[in-house]
């Protein structure tokens, strides 16, 4: 009985991690399918292959990308050292 409980304790985390991975893959498939609306044939196939192979982006990474995009938009009329100083300040959130 103790061996059975020991084996169960070792296998349970592996089963849970597998279920979690399937859920992430299913979410990715759902997202890619929504983005592929209107595409057909080879174009859709190529898009889905590309979309599904992209690594997952964390919320922190996405927030940083969003911040970079916003700061770049604000700095479009700045050049050289002025732009560097502005981007540094903007990206730090000050």
PDB file of N, CA and C in Angstrom:
ATOM      1  N   UNK A   1       0.829  -1.197   0.000  1.00  0.00           N
ATOM      2  CA  UNK A   1       0.000   0.000   0.000  1.00  0.00           C
ATOM      3  C   UNK A   1       0.871   1.258   0.000  1.00  0.00           C
ATOM      4  N   UNK A   2       1.948   1.236   0.815  1.00  0.00           N
ATOM      5  CA  UNK A   2       2.829   2.401   0.869  1.00  0.00           C
ATOM      6  C   UNK A   2       3.519   2.627  -0.471  1.00  0.00           C
ATOM      7  N   UNK A   3       3.890   1.530  -1.146  1.00  0.00           N
ATOM      8  CA  UNK A   3       4.515   1.653  -2.467  1.00  0.00           C
ATOM      9  C   UNK A   3       3.550   2.286  -3.462  1.00  0.00           C
ATOM     10  N   UNK A   4       2.309   1.882  -3.406  1.00  0.00           N
ATOM     11  CA  UNK A   4       1.293   2.421  -4.305  1.00  0.00           C
ATOM     12  C   UNK A   4       1.111   3.923  -4.076  1.00  0.00           C
ATOM     13  N   UNK A   5       1.081   4.330  -2.812  1.00  0.00           N
ATOM     14  CA  UNK A   5       0.950   5.756  -2.499  1.00  0.00           C
ATOM     15  C   UNK A   5       2.193   6.519  -2.958  1.00  0.00           C
ATOM     16  N   UNK A   6       3.350   5.919  -2.781  1.00  0.00           N
ATOM     17  CA  UNK A   6       4.597   6.557  -3.216  1.00  0.00           C
ATOM     18  C   UNK A   6       4.637   6.753  -4.720  1.00  0.00           C
ATOM     19  N   UNK A   7       4.255   5.727  -5.441  1.00  0.00           N
ATOM     20  CA  UNK A   7       4.222   5.814  -6.908  1.00  0.00           C
ATOM     21  C   UNK A   7       3.190   6.844  -7.353  1.00  0.00           C
ATOM     22  N   UNK A   8       2.044   6.849  -6.701  1.00  0.00           N
ATOM     23  CA  UNK A   8       0.995   7.821  -7.032  1.00  0.00           C
ATOM     24  C   UNK A   8       1.476   9.246  -6.795  1.00  0.00           C
ATOM     25  N   UNK A   9       2.205   9.441  -5.713  1.00  0.00           N
ATOM     26  CA  UNK A   9       2.720  10.772  -5.390  1.00  0.00           C
ATOM     27  C   UNK A   9       3.725  11.236  -6.439  1.00  0.00           C
ATOM     28  N   UNK A  10       4.465  10.313  -7.034  1.00  0.00           N
ATOM     29  CA  UNK A  10       5.433  10.668  -8.073  1.00  0.00           C
ATOM     30  C   UNK A  10       4.756  10.925  -9.418  1.00  0.00           C
ATOM     31  N   UNK A  11       3.713  10.190  -9.723  1.00  0.00           N
ATOM     32  CA  UNK A  11       3.054  10.303 -11.019  1.00  0.00           C
ATOM     33  C   UNK A  11       2.072  11.462 -11.107  1.00  0.00           C
ATOM     34  N   UNK A  12       1.469  11.841  -9.998  1.00  0.00           N
ATOM     35  CA  UNK A  12       0.459  12.892 -10.010  1.00  0.00           C
ATOM     36  C   UNK A  12       0.987  14.215 -10.584  1.00  0.00           C
ATOM     37  N   UNK A  13       2.140  14.723 -10.161  1.00  0.00           N
ATOM     38  CA  UNK A  13       2.637  15.974 -10.750  1.00  0.00           C
ATOM     39  C   UNK A  13       2.866  15.871 -12.258  1.00  0.00           C
ATOM     40  N   UNK A  14       3.334  14.709 -12.727  1.00  0.00           N
ATOM     41  CA  UNK A  14       3.548  14.537 -14.163  1.00  0.00           C
ATOM     42  C   UNK A  14       2.232  14.582 -14.915  1.00  0.00           C
ATOM     43  N   UNK A  15       1.213  13.963 -14.374  1.00  0.00           N
ATOM     44  CA  UNK A  15      -0.102  13.980 -15.022  1.00  0.00           C
ATOM     45  C   UNK A  15      -0.684  15.381 -15.047  1.00  0.00           C
ATOM     46  N   UNK A  16      -0.527  16.104 -13.956  1.00  0.00           N
ATOM     47  CA  UNK A  16      -1.054  17.468 -13.897  1.00  0.00           C
ATOM     48  C   UNK A  16      -0.329  18.386 -14.867  1.00  0.00           C
ATOM     49  N   UNK A  17       0.991  18.255 -14.982  1.00  0.00           N
ATOM     50  CA  UNK A  17       1.741  19.110 -15.905  1.00  0.00           C
ATOM     51  C   UNK A  17       1.364  18.808 -17.346  1.00  0.00           C
ATOM     52  N   UNK A  18       1.095  17.563 -17.668  1.00  0.00           N
ATOM     53  CA  UNK A  18       0.661  17.189 -19.009  1.00  0.00           C
ATOM     54  C   UNK A  18      -0.698  17.801 -19.314  1.00  0.00           C
ATOM     55  N   UNK A  19      -1.607  17.753 -18.372  1.00  0.00           N
ATOM     56  CA  UNK A  19      -2.930  18.345 -18.569  1.00  0.00           C
ATOM     57  C   UNK A  19      -2.820  19.846 -18.757  1.00  0.00           C
ATOM     58  N   UNK A  20      -1.939  20.490 -18.017  1.00  0.00           N
ATOM     59  CA  UNK A  20      -1.741  21.934 -18.141  1.00  0.00           C
ATOM     60  C   UNK A  20      -1.181  22.279 -19.516  1.00  0.00           C
ATOM     61  N   UNK A  21      -0.224  21.494 -19.997  1.00  0.00           N
ATOM     62  CA  UNK A  21       0.372  21.738 -21.314  1.00  0.00           C
ATOM     63  C   UNK A  21      -0.675  21.593 -22.414  1.00  0.00           C
ATOM     64  N   UNK A  22      -1.542  20.603 -22.296  1.00  0.00           N
ATOM     65  CA  UNK A  22      -2.600  20.430 -23.288  1.00  0.00           C
ATOM     66  C   UNK A  22      -3.531  21.632 -23.293  1.00  0.00           C
ATOM     67  N   UNK A  23      -3.824  22.150 -22.130  1.00  0.00           N
ATOM     68  CA  UNK A  23      -4.705  23.313 -22.039  1.00  0.00           C
ATOM     69  C   UNK A  23      -4.069  24.523 -22.719  1.00  0.00           C
ATOM     70  N   UNK A  24      -2.777  24.746 -22.504  1.00  0.00           N
ATOM     71  CA  UNK A  24      -2.087  25.859 -23.158  1.00  0.00           C
ATOM     72  C   UNK A  24      -2.101  25.693 -24.670  1.00  0.00           C
ATOM     73  N   UNK A  25      -1.862  24.462 -25.142  1.00  0.00           N
ATOM     74  CA  UNK A  25      -1.867  24.198 -26.574  1.00  0.00           C
ATOM     75  C   UNK A  25      -3.260  24.424 -27.153  1.00  0.00           C
ATOM     76  N   UNK A  26      -4.274  24.025 -26.425  1.00  0.00           N
ATOM     77  CA  UNK A  26      -5.646  24.234 -26.889  1.00  0.00           C
ATOM     78  C   UNK A  26      -5.956  25.731 -26.968  1.00  0.00           C
ATOM     79  N   UNK A  27      -5.490  26.487 -25.987  1.00  0.00           N
ATOM     80  CA  UNK A  27      -5.706  27.935 -25.999  1.00  0.00           C
ATOM     81  C   UNK A  27      -4.992  28.570 -27.185  1.00  0.00           C
ATOM     82  N   UNK A  28      -3.783  28.102 -27.446  1.00  0.00           N
ATOM     83  CA  UNK A  28      -3.010  28.630 -28.573  1.00  0.00           C
ATOM     84  C   UNK A  28      -3.737  28.325 -29.888  1.00  0.00           C
ATOM     85  N   UNK A  29      -4.265  27.105 -30.013  1.00  0.00           N
ATOM     86  CA  UNK A  29      -4.992  26.711 -31.209  1.00  0.00           C
ATOM     87  C   UNK A  29      -6.226  27.592 -31.401  1.00  0.00           C
ATOM     88  N   UNK A  30      -6.948  27.859 -30.323  1.00  0.00           N
ATOM     89  CA  UNK A  30      -8.135  28.713 -30.389  1.00  0.00           C
ATOM     90  C   UNK A  30      -7.767  30.117 -30.849  1.00  0.00           C
ATOM     91  N   UNK A  31      -6.705  30.665 -30.267  1.00  0.00           N
ATOM     92  CA  UNK A  31      -6.262  32.012 -30.623  1.00  0.00           C
ATOM     93  C   UNK A  31      -5.834  32.076 -32.089  1.00  0.00           C
ATOM     94  N   UNK A  32      -5.037  31.112 -32.527  1.00  0.00           N
ATOM     95  CA  UNK A  32      -4.569  31.094 -33.916  1.00  0.00           C
ATOM     96  C   UNK A  32      -5.735  30.938 -34.889  1.00  0.00           C
ATOM     97  N   UNK A  33      -6.708  30.100 -34.534  1.00  0.00           N
ATOM     98  CA  UNK A  33      -7.879  29.926 -35.397  1.00  0.00           C
ATOM     99  C   UNK A  33      -8.639  31.232 -35.566  1.00  0.00           C
ATOM    100  N   UNK A  34      -8.782  31.988 -34.481  1.00  0.00           N
ATOM    101  CA  UNK A  34      -9.480  33.278 -34.557  1.00  0.00           C
ATOM    102  C   UNK A  34      -8.725  34.245 -35.461  1.00  0.00           C
ATOM    103  N   UNK A  35      -7.397  34.264 -35.328  1.00  0.00           N
ATOM    104  CA  UNK A  35      -6.576  35.166 -36.141  1.00  0.00           C
ATOM    105  C   UNK A  35      -6.559  34.765 -37.616  1.00  0.00           C
ATOM    106  N   UNK A  36      -6.817  33.489 -37.899  1.00  0.00           N
ATOM    107  CA  UNK A  36      -6.773  32.983 -39.277  1.00  0.00           C
ATOM    108  C   UNK A  36      -8.095  33.133 -40.008  1.00  0.00           C
ATOM    109  N   UNK A  37      -9.065  33.788 -39.392  1.00  0.00           N
ATOM    110  CA  UNK A  37     -10.364  33.967 -40.022  1.00  0.00           C
ATOM    111  C   UNK A  37     -10.190  34.661 -41.377  1.00  0.00           C
ATOM    112  N   UNK A  38     -10.781  34.090 -42.394  1.00  0.00           N
ATOM    113  CA  UNK A  38     -10.710  34.666 -43.737  1.00  0.00           C
ATOM    114  C   UNK A  38      -9.596  34.092 -44.596  1.00  0.00           C
ATOM    115  N   UNK A  39      -8.651  33.386 -43.998  1.00  0.00           N
ATOM    116  CA  UNK A  39      -7.579  32.768 -44.776  1.00  0.00           C
ATOM    117  C   UNK A  39      -8.026  31.394 -45.246  1.00  0.00           C
ATOM    118  N   UNK A  40      -7.550  30.993 -46.416  1.00  0.00           N
ATOM    119  CA  UNK A  40      -7.942  29.690 -46.953  1.00  0.00           C
ATOM    120  C   UNK A  40      -6.741  28.999 -47.583  1.00  0.00           C
ATOM    121  N   UNK A  41      -6.845  27.695 -47.680  1.00  0.00           N
ATOM    122  CA  UNK A  41      -5.863  26.898 -48.396  1.00  0.00           C
ATOM    123  C   UNK A  41      -4.452  26.997 -47.839  1.00  0.00           C
ATOM    124  N   UNK A  42      -3.502  27.138 -48.752  1.00  0.00           N
ATOM    125  CA  UNK A  42      -2.091  27.173 -48.379  1.00  0.00           C
ATOM    126  C   UNK A  42      -1.751  28.373 -47.500  1.00  0.00           C
ATOM    127  N   UNK A  43      -2.419  29.489 -47.743  1.00  0.00           N
ATOM    128  CA  UNK A  43      -2.176  30.685 -46.934  1.00  0.00           C
ATOM    129  C   UNK A  43      -2.547  30.419 -45.465  1.00  0.00           C
ATOM    130  N   UNK A  44      -3.695  29.784 -45.241  1.00  0.00           N
ATOM    131  CA  UNK A  44      -4.130  29.455 -43.878  1.00  0.00           C
ATOM    132  C   UNK A  44      -3.188  28.435 -43.239  1.00  0.00           C
ATOM    133  N   UNK A  45      -2.803  27.424 -44.015  1.00  0.00           N
ATOM    134  CA  UNK A  45      -1.907  26.384 -43.522  1.00  0.00           C
ATOM    135  C   UNK A  45      -0.570  26.998 -43.079  1.00  0.00           C
ATOM    136  N   UNK A  46      -0.021  27.891 -43.884  1.00  0.00           N
ATOM    137  CA  UNK A  46       1.251  28.540 -43.549  1.00  0.00           C
ATOM    138  C   UNK A  46       1.098  29.424 -42.313  1.00  0.00           C
ATOM    139  N   UNK A  47      -0.011  30.158 -42.246  1.00  0.00           N
ATOM    140  CA  UNK A  47      -0.242  31.018 -41.086  1.00  0.00           C
ATOM    141  C   UNK A  47      -0.361  30.188 -39.809  1.00  0.00           C
ATOM    142  N   UNK A  48      -1.138  29.120 -39.845  1.00  0.00           N
ATOM    143  CA  UNK A  48      -1.336  28.283 -38.661  1.00  0.00           C
ATOM    144  C   UNK A  48      -0.016  27.661 -38.208  1.00  0.00           C
ATOM    145  N   UNK A  49       0.784  27.200 -39.142  1.00  0.00           N
ATOM    146  CA  UNK A  49       2.082  26.618 -38.798  1.00  0.00           C
ATOM    147  C   UNK A  49       2.945  27.643 -38.078  1.00  0.00           C
ATOM    148  N   UNK A  50       2.977  28.848 -38.615  1.00  0.00           N
ATOM    149  CA  UNK A  50       3.769  29.919 -38.006  1.00  0.00           C
ATOM    150  C   UNK A  50       3.219  30.314 -36.645  1.00  0.00           C
ATOM    151  N   UNK A  51       1.915  30.479 -36.570  1.00  0.00           N
ATOM    152  CA  UNK A  51       1.268  30.918 -35.334  1.00  0.00           C
ATOM    153  C   UNK A  51       1.461  29.896 -34.223  1.00  0.00           C
ATOM    154  N   UNK A  52       1.280  28.630 -34.522  1.00  0.00           N
ATOM    155  CA  UNK A  52       1.377  27.589 -33.504  1.00  0.00           C
ATOM    156  C   UNK A  52       2.809  27.325 -33.052  1.00  0.00           C
ATOM    157  N   UNK A  53       3.783  27.712 -33.870  1.00  0.00           N
ATOM    158  CA  UNK A  53       5.175  27.464 -33.497  1.00  0.00           C
ATOM    159  C   UNK A  53       5.787  28.625 -32.713  1.00  0.00           C
ATOM    160  N   UNK A  54       5.076  29.734 -32.605  1.00  0.00           N
ATOM    161  CA  UNK A  54       5.587  30.876 -31.847  1.00  0.00           C
ATOM    162  C   UNK A  54       5.651  30.527 -30.364  1.00  0.00           C
ATOM    163  N   UNK A  55       6.740  30.945 -29.697  1.00  0.00           N
ATOM    164  CA  UNK A  55       6.799  30.690 -28.255  1.00  0.00           C
ATOM    165  C   UNK A  55       5.786  31.554 -27.516  1.00  0.00           C
ATOM    166  N   UNK A  56       5.329  31.056 -26.405  1.00  0.00           N
ATOM    167  CA  UNK A  56       4.358  31.791 -25.605  1.00  0.00           C
ATOM    168  C   UNK A  56       5.043  33.017 -25.003  1.00  0.00           C
ATOM    169  N   UNK A  57       4.365  34.140 -25.044  1.00  0.00           N
ATOM    170  CA  UNK A  57       4.887  35.383 -24.486  1.00  0.00           C
ATOM    171  C   UNK A  57       4.239  35.602 -23.124  1.00  0.00           C
ATOM    172  N   UNK A  58       5.072  35.835 -22.121  1.00  0.00           N
ATOM    173  CA  UNK A  58       4.536  36.062 -20.784  1.00  0.00           C
ATOM    174  C   UNK A  58       3.866  37.430 -20.717  1.00  0.00           C
ATOM    175  N   UNK A  59       3.068  37.625 -19.685  1.00  0.00           N
ATOM    176  CA  UNK A  59       2.394  38.919 -19.510  1.00  0.00           C
ATOM    177  C   UNK A  59       3.414  40.030 -19.320  1.00  0.00           C
ATOM    178  N   UNK A  60       4.500  39.745 -18.605  1.00  0.00           N
ATOM    179  CA  UNK A  60       5.536  40.751 -18.375  1.00  0.00           C
ATOM    180  C   UNK A  60       6.216  41.135 -19.690  1.00  0.00           C
ATOM    181  N   UNK A  61       6.494  40.130 -20.531  1.00  0.00           N
ATOM    182  CA  UNK A  61       7.105  40.411 -21.829  1.00  0.00           C
ATOM    183  C   UNK A  61       6.163  41.227 -22.705  1.00  0.00           C
ATOM    184  N   UNK A  62       4.885  40.884 -22.681  1.00  0.00           N
ATOM    185  CA  UNK A  62       3.914  41.624 -23.484  1.00  0.00           C
ATOM    186  C   UNK A  62       3.778  43.056 -22.988  1.00  0.00           C
ATOM    187  N   UNK A  63       3.797  43.237 -21.672  1.00  0.00           N
ATOM    188  CA  UNK A  63       3.708  44.583 -21.104  1.00  0.00           C
ATOM    189  C   UNK A  63       4.907  45.420 -21.541  1.00  0.00           C
ATOM    190  N   UNK A  64       6.098  44.808 -21.542  1.00  0.00           N
ATOM    191  CA  UNK A  64       7.303  45.525 -21.965  1.00  0.00           C
ATOM    192  C   UNK A  64       7.219  45.881 -23.447  1.00  0.00           C
ATOM    193  N   UNK A  65       6.715  44.956 -24.268  1.00  0.00           N
ATOM    194  CA  UNK A  65       6.546  45.239 -25.699  1.00  0.00           C
ATOM    195  C   UNK A  65       5.558  46.380 -25.913  1.00  0.00           C
ATOM    196  N   UNK A  66       4.464  46.351 -25.155  1.00  0.00           N
ATOM    197  CA  UNK A  66       3.463  47.414 -25.274  1.00  0.00           C
ATOM    198  C   UNK A  66       4.052  48.764 -24.880  1.00  0.00           C
ATOM    199  N   UNK A  67       4.854  48.748 -23.801  1.00  0.00           N
ATOM    200  CA  UNK A  67       5.491  49.983 -23.344  1.00  0.00           C
ATOM    201  C   UNK A  67       6.451  50.516 -24.407  1.00  0.00           C
ATOM    202  N   UNK A  68       7.224  49.613 -25.029  1.00  0.00           N
ATOM    203  CA  UNK A  68       8.171  50.008 -26.072  1.00  0.00           C
ATOM    204  C   UNK A  68       7.443  50.617 -27.258  1.00  0.00           C
ATOM    205  N   UNK A  69       6.332  50.010 -27.643  1.00  0.00           N
ATOM    206  CA  UNK A  69       5.543  50.530 -28.760  1.00  0.00           C
ATOM    207  C   UNK A  69       5.018  51.925 -28.448  1.00  0.00           C
ATOM    208  N   UNK A  70       4.488  52.114 -27.248  1.00  0.00           N
ATOM    209  CA  UNK A  70       3.952  53.422 -26.851  1.00  0.00           C
ATOM    210  C   UNK A  70       5.056  54.471 -26.795  1.00  0.00           C
ATOM    211  N   UNK A  71       6.195  54.124 -26.211  1.00  0.00           N
ATOM    212  CA  UNK A  71       7.304  55.084 -26.121  1.00  0.00           C
ATOM    213  C   UNK A  71       7.833  55.443 -27.504  1.00  0.00           C
ATOM    214  N   UNK A  72       7.936  54.448 -28.390  1.00  0.00           N
ATOM    215  CA  UNK A  72       8.386  54.720 -29.763  1.00  0.00           C
ATOM    216  C   UNK A  72       7.446  55.685 -30.470  1.00  0.00           C
ATOM    217  N   UNK A  73       6.153  55.510 -30.270  1.00  0.00           N
ATOM    218  CA  UNK A  73       5.171  56.391 -30.901  1.00  0.00           C
ATOM    219  C   UNK A  73       5.330  57.827 -30.391  1.00  0.00           C
ATOM    220  N   UNK A  74       5.595  57.970 -29.103  1.00  0.00           N
ATOM    221  CA  UNK A  74       5.767  59.304 -28.526  1.00  0.00           C
ATOM    222  C   UNK A  74       7.083  59.958 -28.948  1.00  0.00           C
ATOM    223  N   UNK A  75       8.083  59.140 -29.269  1.00  0.00           N
ATOM    224  CA  UNK A  75       9.410  59.657 -29.590  1.00  0.00           C
ATOM    225  C   UNK A  75       9.645  59.823 -31.086  1.00  0.00           C
ATOM    226  N   UNK A  76       8.593  59.727 -31.884  1.00  0.00           N
ATOM    227  CA  UNK A  76       8.784  59.736 -33.334  1.00  0.00           C
ATOM    228  C   UNK A  76       9.424  61.014 -33.876  1.00  0.00           C
ATOM    229  N   UNK A  77       9.248  62.130 -33.192  1.00  0.00           N
ATOM    230  CA  UNK A  77       9.824  63.388 -33.684  1.00  0.00           C
ATOM    231  C   UNK A  77      11.162  63.738 -33.025  1.00  0.00           C
ATOM    232  N   UNK A  78      11.669  62.880 -32.177  1.00  0.00           N
ATOM    233  CA  UNK A  78      12.939  63.135 -31.482  1.00  0.00           C
ATOM    234  C   UNK A  78      14.075  62.403 -32.193  1.00  0.00           C
ATOM    235  N   UNK A  79      15.286  62.956 -32.079  1.00  0.00           N
ATOM    236  CA  UNK A  79      16.457  62.370 -32.730  1.00  0.00           C
ATOM    237  C   UNK A  79      17.635  62.347 -31.768  1.00  0.00           C
ATOM    238  N   UNK A  80      18.568  61.432 -32.029  1.00  0.00           N
ATOM    239  CA  UNK A  80      19.847  61.386 -31.326  1.00  0.00           C
ATOM    240  C   UNK A  80      19.749  61.254 -29.820  1.00  0.00           C
ATOM    241  N   UNK A  81      20.555  62.088 -29.116  1.00  0.00           N
ATOM    242  CA  UNK A  81      20.622  62.030 -27.657  1.00  0.00           C
ATOM    243  C   UNK A  81      19.283  62.355 -26.995  1.00  0.00           C
ATOM    244  N   UNK A  82      18.531  63.270 -27.608  1.00  0.00           N
ATOM    245  CA  UNK A  82      17.226  63.618 -27.057  1.00  0.00           C
ATOM    246  C   UNK A  82      16.302  62.388 -27.055  1.00  0.00           C
ATOM    247  N   UNK A  83      16.340  61.637 -28.154  1.00  0.00           N
ATOM    248  CA  UNK A  83      15.515  60.430 -28.253  1.00  0.00           C
ATOM    249  C   UNK A  83      15.969  59.380 -27.242  1.00  0.00           C
ATOM    250  N   UNK A  84      17.281  59.167 -27.131  1.00  0.00           N
ATOM    251  CA  UNK A  84      17.816  58.182 -26.187  1.00  0.00           C
ATOM    252  C   UNK A  84      17.389  58.514 -24.761  1.00  0.00           C
ATOM    253  N   UNK A  85      17.511  59.785 -24.391  1.00  0.00           N
ATOM    254  CA  UNK A  85      17.143  60.200 -23.035  1.00  0.00           C
ATOM    255  C   UNK A  85      15.643  60.007 -22.804  1.00  0.00           C
ATOM    256  N   UNK A  86      14.852  60.388 -23.794  1.00  0.00           N
ATOM    257  CA  UNK A  86      13.402  60.230 -23.656  1.00  0.00           C
ATOM    258  C   UNK A  86      13.013  58.759 -23.531  1.00  0.00           C
ATOM    259  N   UNK A  87      13.574  57.911 -24.379  1.00  0.00           N
ATOM    260  CA  UNK A  87      13.237  56.483 -24.359  1.00  0.00           C
ATOM    261  C   UNK A  87      13.641  55.860 -23.026  1.00  0.00           C
ATOM    262  N   UNK A  88      14.801  56.239 -22.515  1.00  0.00           N
ATOM    263  CA  UNK A  88      15.242  55.699 -21.229  1.00  0.00           C
ATOM    264  C   UNK A  88      14.248  56.053 -20.130  1.00  0.00           C
ATOM    265  N   UNK A  89      13.870  57.300 -20.086  1.00  0.00           N
ATOM    266  CA  UNK A  89      12.929  57.758 -19.065  1.00  0.00           C
ATOM    267  C   UNK A  89      11.553  57.112 -19.265  1.00  0.00           C
ATOM    268  N   UNK A  90      11.100  57.059 -20.487  1.00  0.00           N
ATOM    269  CA  UNK A  90       9.777  56.506 -20.800  1.00  0.00           C
ATOM    270  C   UNK A  90       9.719  55.016 -20.425  1.00  0.00           C
ATOM    271  N   UNK A  91      10.737  54.263 -20.789  1.00  0.00           N
ATOM    272  CA  UNK A  91      10.726  52.821 -20.530  1.00  0.00           C
ATOM    273  C   UNK A  91      10.857  52.479 -19.056  1.00  0.00           C
ATOM    274  N   UNK A  92      11.492  53.378 -18.295  1.00  0.00           N
ATOM    275  CA  UNK A  92      11.593  53.162 -16.847  1.00  0.00           C
ATOM    276  C   UNK A  92      10.266  53.492 -16.168  1.00  0.00           C
ATOM    277  N   UNK A  93       9.426  54.233 -16.858  1.00  0.00           N
ATOM    278  CA  UNK A  93       8.120  54.568 -16.303  1.00  0.00           C
ATOM    279  C   UNK A  93       8.136  55.825 -15.464  1.00  0.00           C
ATOM    280  N   UNK A  94       9.181  56.605 -15.563  1.00  0.00           N
ATOM    281  CA  UNK A  94       9.285  57.851 -14.767  1.00  0.00           C
ATOM    282  C   UNK A  94       8.618  59.000 -15.472  1.00  0.00           C
TER     283      UNK A  94
END
